[in-house]
N, C-alpha and C. Protein backbone atom coordinates (compact mmCIF):
# COMPACT_ATOMS: atom_id res chain seq x y z
N MET A 1 111.42 123.50 118.29
CA MET A 1 111.41 122.05 118.26
C MET A 1 111.03 121.60 116.85
N LEU A 2 111.82 120.68 116.33
CA LEU A 2 111.50 120.07 115.05
C LEU A 2 110.37 119.06 115.21
N LYS A 3 109.51 118.98 114.21
CA LYS A 3 108.47 117.94 114.18
C LYS A 3 108.70 117.15 112.91
N LYS A 4 108.86 115.83 113.07
CA LYS A 4 109.17 114.98 111.93
C LYS A 4 108.29 113.74 111.91
N LYS A 5 107.80 113.41 110.74
CA LYS A 5 107.02 112.19 110.53
C LYS A 5 107.98 111.06 110.21
N ILE A 6 107.82 109.94 110.94
CA ILE A 6 108.57 108.73 110.62
C ILE A 6 107.58 107.58 110.44
N CYS A 7 107.97 106.59 109.66
CA CYS A 7 107.13 105.41 109.45
C CYS A 7 107.88 104.16 109.89
N LEU A 8 107.17 103.27 110.55
CA LEU A 8 107.68 101.94 110.85
C LEU A 8 107.17 101.01 109.76
N LEU A 9 108.09 100.34 109.11
CA LEU A 9 107.76 99.44 108.02
C LEU A 9 108.29 98.06 108.34
N GLY A 10 107.63 97.05 107.81
CA GLY A 10 108.10 95.67 108.00
C GLY A 10 106.98 94.69 107.73
N ALA A 11 107.36 93.44 107.65
CA ALA A 11 106.40 92.36 107.42
C ALA A 11 105.44 92.26 108.61
N PRO A 12 104.32 91.57 108.44
CA PRO A 12 103.41 91.38 109.57
C PRO A 12 104.08 90.63 110.73
N ALA A 13 103.73 90.98 111.94
CA ALA A 13 104.13 90.29 113.18
C ALA A 13 105.62 90.34 113.48
N VAL A 14 106.30 91.40 113.02
CA VAL A 14 107.71 91.55 113.38
C VAL A 14 107.89 92.33 114.68
N GLY A 15 106.81 92.98 115.14
CA GLY A 15 106.88 93.72 116.40
C GLY A 15 106.84 95.22 116.27
N LYS A 16 106.38 95.74 115.15
CA LYS A 16 106.34 97.20 114.96
C LYS A 16 105.47 97.88 116.02
N THR A 17 104.27 97.39 116.20
CA THR A 17 103.35 97.98 117.18
C THR A 17 103.91 97.83 118.60
N SER A 18 104.51 96.70 118.89
CA SER A 18 105.11 96.49 120.22
C SER A 18 106.27 97.44 120.46
N LEU A 19 107.08 97.69 119.43
CA LEU A 19 108.19 98.64 119.58
C LEU A 19 107.66 100.05 119.86
N VAL A 20 106.61 100.45 119.15
CA VAL A 20 106.03 101.78 119.39
C VAL A 20 105.45 101.86 120.80
N ALA A 21 104.73 100.83 121.23
CA ALA A 21 104.13 100.83 122.58
C ALA A 21 105.23 100.91 123.65
N ARG A 22 106.31 100.19 123.45
CA ARG A 22 107.43 100.22 124.41
C ARG A 22 108.07 101.60 124.41
N PHE A 23 108.27 102.18 123.24
CA PHE A 23 108.94 103.47 123.12
C PHE A 23 108.07 104.62 123.66
N VAL A 24 106.80 104.65 123.28
CA VAL A 24 105.94 105.77 123.62
C VAL A 24 105.35 105.64 125.02
N ARG A 25 104.90 104.43 125.38
CA ARG A 25 104.18 104.25 126.65
C ARG A 25 104.89 103.33 127.65
N SER A 26 106.06 102.83 127.30
CA SER A 26 106.84 101.92 128.17
C SER A 26 106.04 100.69 128.57
N ILE A 27 105.26 100.16 127.63
CA ILE A 27 104.48 98.95 127.91
C ILE A 27 104.75 97.88 126.85
N TYR A 28 104.43 96.65 127.21
CA TYR A 28 104.53 95.53 126.29
C TYR A 28 103.35 94.60 126.57
N SER A 29 102.75 94.08 125.52
CA SER A 29 101.65 93.14 125.66
C SER A 29 101.97 91.89 124.85
N GLU A 30 101.66 90.74 125.42
CA GLU A 30 101.85 89.47 124.71
C GLU A 30 100.78 89.26 123.63
N ASN A 31 99.68 90.01 123.71
CA ASN A 31 98.58 89.84 122.76
C ASN A 31 98.95 90.44 121.41
N TYR A 32 98.69 89.71 120.35
CA TYR A 32 98.97 90.18 119.01
C TYR A 32 97.69 90.73 118.38
N HIS A 33 97.77 91.97 117.94
CA HIS A 33 96.66 92.60 117.22
C HIS A 33 97.23 93.21 115.95
N ALA A 34 96.81 92.71 114.81
CA ALA A 34 97.31 93.23 113.54
C ALA A 34 96.87 94.68 113.36
N THR A 35 97.79 95.51 112.91
CA THR A 35 97.47 96.90 112.61
C THR A 35 96.75 96.94 111.27
N VAL A 36 95.70 97.73 111.21
CA VAL A 36 94.97 97.94 109.96
C VAL A 36 95.25 99.37 109.52
N GLY A 37 95.80 99.54 108.33
CA GLY A 37 96.14 100.88 107.85
C GLY A 37 97.35 101.41 108.57
N ALA A 38 97.14 102.42 109.40
CA ALA A 38 98.24 103.02 110.15
C ALA A 38 97.71 103.55 111.48
N LYS A 39 98.56 103.52 112.49
CA LYS A 39 98.25 104.09 113.79
C LYS A 39 99.32 105.13 114.07
N VAL A 40 98.93 106.29 114.56
CA VAL A 40 99.88 107.38 114.76
C VAL A 40 100.03 107.67 116.25
N ASP A 41 101.29 107.75 116.68
CA ASP A 41 101.65 108.17 118.03
C ASP A 41 102.70 109.26 117.91
N LYS A 42 103.01 109.89 119.03
CA LYS A 42 104.08 110.88 118.99
C LYS A 42 104.86 110.84 120.30
N LYS A 43 106.12 111.24 120.18
CA LYS A 43 106.98 111.33 121.35
C LYS A 43 108.11 112.31 121.06
N VAL A 44 108.48 113.07 122.07
CA VAL A 44 109.58 114.01 121.96
C VAL A 44 110.87 113.29 122.33
N VAL A 45 111.89 113.49 121.50
CA VAL A 45 113.19 112.85 121.69
C VAL A 45 114.24 113.94 121.80
N GLU A 46 115.10 113.81 122.81
CA GLU A 46 116.22 114.72 122.97
C GLU A 46 117.37 114.26 122.07
N ILE A 47 117.91 115.19 121.30
CA ILE A 47 119.07 114.91 120.46
C ILE A 47 120.10 116.01 120.70
N PRO A 48 121.35 115.79 120.32
CA PRO A 48 122.33 116.87 120.47
C PRO A 48 121.84 118.12 119.74
N GLY A 49 121.80 119.22 120.45
CA GLY A 49 121.39 120.48 119.85
C GLY A 49 119.91 120.78 119.92
N GLY A 50 119.11 119.93 120.55
CA GLY A 50 117.70 120.25 120.65
C GLY A 50 116.80 119.05 120.85
N THR A 51 115.56 119.22 120.44
CA THR A 51 114.57 118.15 120.58
C THR A 51 113.85 117.97 119.26
N VAL A 52 113.34 116.76 119.07
CA VAL A 52 112.56 116.43 117.89
C VAL A 52 111.28 115.75 118.36
N GLU A 53 110.13 116.23 117.87
CA GLU A 53 108.88 115.54 118.13
C GLU A 53 108.66 114.58 116.96
N LEU A 54 108.70 113.31 117.27
CA LEU A 54 108.48 112.29 116.25
C LEU A 54 107.00 111.97 116.16
N MET A 55 106.45 112.11 114.97
CA MET A 55 105.10 111.65 114.66
C MET A 55 105.31 110.27 114.06
N ILE A 56 104.97 109.25 114.84
CA ILE A 56 105.32 107.86 114.52
C ILE A 56 104.14 107.17 113.87
N TRP A 57 104.29 106.83 112.61
CA TRP A 57 103.26 106.13 111.86
C TRP A 57 103.60 104.65 111.87
N ASP A 58 102.80 103.90 112.60
CA ASP A 58 102.96 102.44 112.70
C ASP A 58 102.13 101.84 111.57
N MET A 59 102.82 101.33 110.57
CA MET A 59 102.16 100.86 109.35
C MET A 59 101.79 99.38 109.46
N ALA A 60 100.66 99.03 108.86
CA ALA A 60 100.29 97.62 108.76
C ALA A 60 101.37 96.89 107.97
N GLY A 61 101.68 95.66 108.38
CA GLY A 61 102.65 94.87 107.64
C GLY A 61 102.11 94.57 106.25
N ASP A 62 102.93 94.82 105.25
CA ASP A 62 102.48 94.62 103.88
C ASP A 62 103.70 94.39 103.00
N SER A 63 103.45 94.03 101.77
CA SER A 63 104.55 93.81 100.83
C SER A 63 105.17 95.15 100.43
N ALA A 64 106.40 95.11 99.99
CA ALA A 64 107.10 96.31 99.57
C ALA A 64 106.34 97.02 98.45
N GLU A 65 105.83 96.25 97.52
CA GLU A 65 105.16 96.84 96.38
C GLU A 65 103.89 97.60 96.79
N ARG A 66 103.10 97.03 97.69
CA ARG A 66 101.85 97.69 98.11
C ARG A 66 102.10 98.81 99.10
N LEU A 67 102.98 98.58 100.07
CA LEU A 67 103.19 99.56 101.12
C LEU A 67 103.86 100.82 100.62
N ALA A 68 104.85 100.69 99.78
CA ALA A 68 105.58 101.85 99.31
C ALA A 68 104.70 102.80 98.51
N HIS A 69 103.62 102.30 97.94
CA HIS A 69 102.70 103.15 97.19
C HIS A 69 101.59 103.71 98.08
N SER A 70 101.60 103.37 99.33
CA SER A 70 100.59 103.84 100.27
C SER A 70 100.74 105.33 100.52
N PRO A 71 99.63 106.06 100.58
CA PRO A 71 99.73 107.48 100.90
C PRO A 71 100.26 107.74 102.31
N TYR A 72 100.17 106.75 103.19
CA TYR A 72 100.67 106.91 104.56
C TYR A 72 102.18 107.14 104.59
N VAL A 73 102.89 106.59 103.62
CA VAL A 73 104.35 106.65 103.62
C VAL A 73 104.86 107.99 103.10
N ARG A 74 104.09 108.62 102.25
CA ARG A 74 104.53 109.89 101.64
C ARG A 74 104.76 110.95 102.71
N GLY A 75 105.81 111.72 102.51
CA GLY A 75 106.12 112.82 103.41
C GLY A 75 106.88 112.44 104.66
N ALA A 76 107.27 111.18 104.77
CA ALA A 76 108.03 110.76 105.94
C ALA A 76 109.47 111.28 105.84
N ALA A 77 109.97 111.76 106.96
CA ALA A 77 111.36 112.24 107.02
C ALA A 77 112.34 111.09 107.20
N GLY A 78 111.83 109.93 107.63
CA GLY A 78 112.69 108.77 107.84
C GLY A 78 111.85 107.53 108.10
N HIS A 79 112.52 106.39 108.04
CA HIS A 79 111.83 105.10 108.20
C HIS A 79 112.61 104.21 109.15
N LEU A 80 111.88 103.54 110.03
CA LEU A 80 112.43 102.48 110.86
C LEU A 80 111.91 101.19 110.24
N VAL A 81 112.81 100.41 109.66
CA VAL A 81 112.44 99.18 108.97
C VAL A 81 112.73 98.02 109.90
N VAL A 82 111.67 97.27 110.26
CA VAL A 82 111.75 96.26 111.31
C VAL A 82 111.63 94.86 110.70
N CYS A 83 112.50 93.97 111.17
CA CYS A 83 112.38 92.56 110.83
C CYS A 83 112.50 91.74 112.11
N ASP A 84 112.21 90.46 111.99
CA ASP A 84 112.18 89.54 113.12
C ASP A 84 113.37 88.60 113.00
N GLY A 85 114.26 88.62 113.98
CA GLY A 85 115.45 87.78 113.94
C GLY A 85 115.18 86.29 113.89
N THR A 86 113.96 85.88 114.25
CA THR A 86 113.63 84.46 114.23
C THR A 86 113.06 84.01 112.89
N ARG A 87 112.78 84.98 112.01
CA ARG A 87 112.16 84.67 110.72
C ARG A 87 112.95 85.32 109.59
N PRO A 88 113.85 84.57 108.95
CA PRO A 88 114.70 85.17 107.92
C PRO A 88 113.93 85.75 106.74
N GLU A 89 112.74 85.25 106.47
CA GLU A 89 111.98 85.81 105.36
C GLU A 89 111.60 87.26 105.61
N THR A 90 111.53 87.67 106.89
CA THR A 90 111.21 89.07 107.18
C THR A 90 112.42 89.96 106.91
N ILE A 91 113.61 89.41 106.98
CA ILE A 91 114.82 90.16 106.63
C ILE A 91 114.82 90.41 105.13
N GLU A 92 114.47 89.40 104.36
CA GLU A 92 114.37 89.57 102.90
C GLU A 92 113.32 90.60 102.55
N GLU A 93 112.18 90.59 103.24
CA GLU A 93 111.14 91.58 102.98
C GLU A 93 111.62 92.98 103.36
N SER A 94 112.40 93.09 104.43
CA SER A 94 112.94 94.40 104.81
C SER A 94 113.87 94.94 103.73
N LEU A 95 114.65 94.07 103.13
CA LEU A 95 115.52 94.51 102.03
C LEU A 95 114.69 95.02 100.86
N ARG A 96 113.61 94.34 100.54
CA ARG A 96 112.73 94.81 99.46
C ARG A 96 112.10 96.16 99.83
N LEU A 97 111.69 96.31 101.09
CA LEU A 97 111.12 97.59 101.54
C LEU A 97 112.14 98.72 101.43
N LEU A 98 113.34 98.48 101.90
CA LEU A 98 114.39 99.49 101.83
C LEU A 98 114.62 99.93 100.38
N ALA A 99 114.74 98.97 99.49
CA ALA A 99 114.99 99.28 98.08
C ALA A 99 113.81 100.02 97.45
N GLU A 100 112.60 99.58 97.74
CA GLU A 100 111.41 100.21 97.15
C GLU A 100 111.22 101.63 97.66
N VAL A 101 111.38 101.83 98.95
CA VAL A 101 111.23 103.18 99.51
C VAL A 101 112.30 104.10 98.94
N ARG A 102 113.53 103.61 98.85
CA ARG A 102 114.62 104.43 98.30
C ARG A 102 114.33 104.78 96.83
N SER A 103 113.83 103.82 96.06
CA SER A 103 113.57 104.10 94.65
C SER A 103 112.44 105.12 94.48
N LEU A 104 111.47 105.13 95.36
CA LEU A 104 110.35 106.06 95.25
C LEU A 104 110.61 107.43 95.88
N PHE A 105 111.32 107.44 97.01
CA PHE A 105 111.44 108.68 97.78
C PHE A 105 112.87 109.19 97.91
N GLY A 106 113.81 108.51 97.30
CA GLY A 106 115.19 108.97 97.35
C GLY A 106 115.91 108.56 98.61
N ASP A 107 116.89 109.33 98.97
CA ASP A 107 117.80 108.97 100.06
C ASP A 107 117.30 109.49 101.41
N VAL A 108 116.11 109.05 101.82
CA VAL A 108 115.61 109.42 103.15
C VAL A 108 116.32 108.57 104.20
N PRO A 109 116.57 109.13 105.38
CA PRO A 109 117.24 108.35 106.43
C PRO A 109 116.43 107.11 106.82
N MET A 110 117.13 106.01 106.97
CA MET A 110 116.50 104.76 107.39
C MET A 110 117.38 104.09 108.43
N VAL A 111 116.72 103.45 109.37
CA VAL A 111 117.39 102.64 110.39
C VAL A 111 116.72 101.27 110.34
N THR A 112 117.53 100.22 110.30
CA THR A 112 116.97 98.87 110.33
C THR A 112 117.06 98.32 111.75
N VAL A 113 116.01 97.61 112.11
CA VAL A 113 115.90 97.03 113.44
C VAL A 113 115.63 95.54 113.29
N VAL A 114 116.41 94.73 114.00
CA VAL A 114 116.14 93.30 114.07
C VAL A 114 115.57 93.07 115.46
N ASN A 115 114.27 92.84 115.50
CA ASN A 115 113.55 92.74 116.77
C ASN A 115 113.55 91.30 117.30
N LYS A 116 113.18 91.17 118.54
CA LYS A 116 113.03 89.91 119.26
C LYS A 116 114.38 89.33 119.71
N SER A 117 115.27 90.22 120.16
CA SER A 117 116.57 89.76 120.67
C SER A 117 116.42 88.94 121.94
N ASP A 118 115.25 89.03 122.60
CA ASP A 118 115.01 88.19 123.77
C ASP A 118 114.83 86.72 123.37
N LEU A 119 114.67 86.44 122.11
CA LEU A 119 114.53 85.07 121.59
C LEU A 119 115.76 84.66 120.80
N VAL A 120 116.92 85.19 121.17
CA VAL A 120 118.14 85.00 120.39
C VAL A 120 118.48 83.52 120.19
N GLU A 121 118.08 82.65 121.11
CA GLU A 121 118.35 81.22 120.93
C GLU A 121 117.59 80.64 119.74
N SER A 122 116.56 81.35 119.27
CA SER A 122 115.78 80.91 118.10
C SER A 122 116.12 81.71 116.84
N TRP A 123 117.11 82.59 116.94
CA TRP A 123 117.43 83.46 115.81
C TRP A 123 118.00 82.68 114.64
N LYS A 124 117.64 83.17 113.48
CA LYS A 124 118.20 82.68 112.23
C LYS A 124 118.98 83.82 111.55
N ALA A 125 119.06 84.94 112.24
CA ALA A 125 119.70 86.14 111.70
C ALA A 125 121.20 86.11 111.97
N THR A 126 121.92 85.43 111.12
CA THR A 126 123.38 85.36 111.24
C THR A 126 123.99 86.65 110.67
N PRO A 127 125.25 86.92 110.97
CA PRO A 127 125.90 88.11 110.40
C PRO A 127 125.83 88.14 108.86
N ASP A 128 125.96 86.99 108.23
CA ASP A 128 125.86 86.94 106.76
C ASP A 128 124.48 87.35 106.27
N VAL A 129 123.44 86.93 106.99
CA VAL A 129 122.07 87.25 106.61
C VAL A 129 121.80 88.75 106.84
N LEU A 130 122.40 89.32 107.88
CA LEU A 130 122.15 90.72 108.22
C LEU A 130 123.00 91.71 107.42
N ALA A 131 124.11 91.27 106.86
CA ALA A 131 125.03 92.16 106.14
C ALA A 131 124.35 93.00 105.06
N PRO A 132 123.45 92.44 104.25
CA PRO A 132 122.79 93.27 103.24
C PRO A 132 121.95 94.41 103.82
N LEU A 133 121.41 94.23 105.03
CA LEU A 133 120.65 95.31 105.67
C LEU A 133 121.56 96.51 105.94
N GLU A 134 122.75 96.23 106.44
CA GLU A 134 123.70 97.31 106.72
C GLU A 134 124.07 98.03 105.44
N LYS A 135 124.31 97.27 104.40
CA LYS A 135 124.70 97.87 103.12
C LYS A 135 123.58 98.76 102.59
N GLU A 136 122.35 98.29 102.62
CA GLU A 136 121.22 99.03 102.06
C GLU A 136 120.86 100.26 102.89
N ALA A 137 120.92 100.15 104.22
CA ALA A 137 120.53 101.27 105.09
C ALA A 137 121.69 102.20 105.41
N GLY A 138 122.93 101.75 105.17
CA GLY A 138 124.08 102.59 105.48
C GLY A 138 124.43 102.63 106.95
N LEU A 139 123.90 101.68 107.71
CA LEU A 139 124.12 101.64 109.16
C LEU A 139 123.83 100.22 109.62
N ALA A 140 124.63 99.72 110.52
CA ALA A 140 124.40 98.36 111.04
C ALA A 140 123.02 98.28 111.68
N PRO A 141 122.31 97.16 111.49
CA PRO A 141 121.00 97.01 112.13
C PRO A 141 121.13 97.06 113.65
N ILE A 142 120.12 97.60 114.29
CA ILE A 142 120.07 97.66 115.75
C ILE A 142 119.20 96.49 116.22
N THR A 143 119.75 95.66 117.09
CA THR A 143 118.98 94.54 117.62
C THR A 143 118.20 95.01 118.84
N THR A 144 116.90 94.75 118.82
CA THR A 144 116.01 95.24 119.88
C THR A 144 115.15 94.12 120.43
N SER A 145 114.54 94.41 121.57
CA SER A 145 113.50 93.56 122.13
C SER A 145 112.40 94.46 122.66
N ALA A 146 111.25 94.41 122.01
CA ALA A 146 110.12 95.17 122.52
C ALA A 146 109.68 94.62 123.87
N ARG A 147 109.85 93.32 124.08
CA ARG A 147 109.46 92.70 125.35
C ARG A 147 110.28 93.26 126.51
N SER A 148 111.60 93.26 126.39
CA SER A 148 112.46 93.72 127.48
C SER A 148 112.76 95.22 127.42
N GLY A 149 112.57 95.81 126.25
CA GLY A 149 112.92 97.22 126.06
C GLY A 149 114.33 97.43 125.58
N GLN A 150 115.09 96.35 125.43
CA GLN A 150 116.50 96.44 125.03
C GLN A 150 116.66 97.21 123.72
N ARG A 151 117.37 98.31 123.77
CA ARG A 151 117.80 99.13 122.64
C ARG A 151 116.66 99.78 121.85
N VAL A 152 115.45 99.77 122.39
CA VAL A 152 114.32 100.39 121.69
C VAL A 152 114.52 101.90 121.61
N GLU A 153 114.83 102.53 122.75
CA GLU A 153 115.08 103.98 122.75
C GLU A 153 116.21 104.33 121.79
N GLU A 154 117.25 103.52 121.80
CA GLU A 154 118.41 103.75 120.92
C GLU A 154 118.00 103.75 119.45
N ALA A 155 117.14 102.82 119.06
CA ALA A 155 116.71 102.73 117.66
C ALA A 155 115.99 104.01 117.22
N PHE A 156 115.03 104.46 118.02
CA PHE A 156 114.29 105.67 117.66
C PHE A 156 115.19 106.91 117.74
N ALA A 157 116.05 106.98 118.74
CA ALA A 157 116.96 108.12 118.88
C ALA A 157 117.94 108.19 117.71
N THR A 158 118.40 107.03 117.25
CA THR A 158 119.30 106.99 116.10
C THR A 158 118.61 107.57 114.88
N LEU A 159 117.36 107.17 114.65
CA LEU A 159 116.64 107.71 113.50
C LEU A 159 116.40 109.21 113.68
N ALA A 160 116.06 109.66 114.88
CA ALA A 160 115.84 111.09 115.13
C ALA A 160 117.11 111.88 114.82
N ARG A 161 118.25 111.38 115.23
CA ARG A 161 119.52 112.05 114.93
C ARG A 161 119.79 112.08 113.43
N ARG A 162 119.54 110.97 112.76
CA ARG A 162 119.80 110.89 111.32
C ARG A 162 118.90 111.86 110.53
N ILE A 163 117.63 111.95 110.90
CA ILE A 163 116.75 112.84 110.15
C ILE A 163 117.01 114.31 110.49
N SER A 164 117.65 114.56 111.63
CA SER A 164 118.00 115.92 112.03
C SER A 164 119.39 116.32 111.58
N GLY A 165 120.11 115.37 110.98
CA GLY A 165 121.44 115.67 110.47
C GLY A 165 122.52 115.73 111.53
N VAL A 166 122.30 115.11 112.69
CA VAL A 166 123.32 115.14 113.75
C VAL A 166 123.81 113.74 114.11
N GLY A 167 123.74 112.82 113.20
CA GLY A 167 124.25 111.49 113.54
C GLY A 167 123.89 110.41 112.59
């Protein structure tokens, strides 16, 4: 079994911790608690040809400049970069994170996630706004909802496949 470290990156309050809780423990809480530093969870994911144990580092929301220099990010095999579809400024911050991580660590696999699809009536994430995310990450963003669980497994499985070289 492969063991791989991944980091969740994104602006504050985009739902990183909620996505991890939904993925690892199948739970969701309406209560917001800011992450301080990093919180680590793990989960085994089935991929074609085997399994991968993901060591999931849920990072505190921070700016691209500060977070990318964090020792928590070093050694990650891949990154799940999360933004909030209701807040376009978080999409811009995700673009800065993608560029900064790539400039520091090279071409590590990344998957972008636009969270809060359950609030789609409040979305400001139009296809034009999301297009740069696809260009920077090399893959269309996955729209998720930590609240409903929509596409959360898919987002993590996609990253697991990418870091394992099978997708």
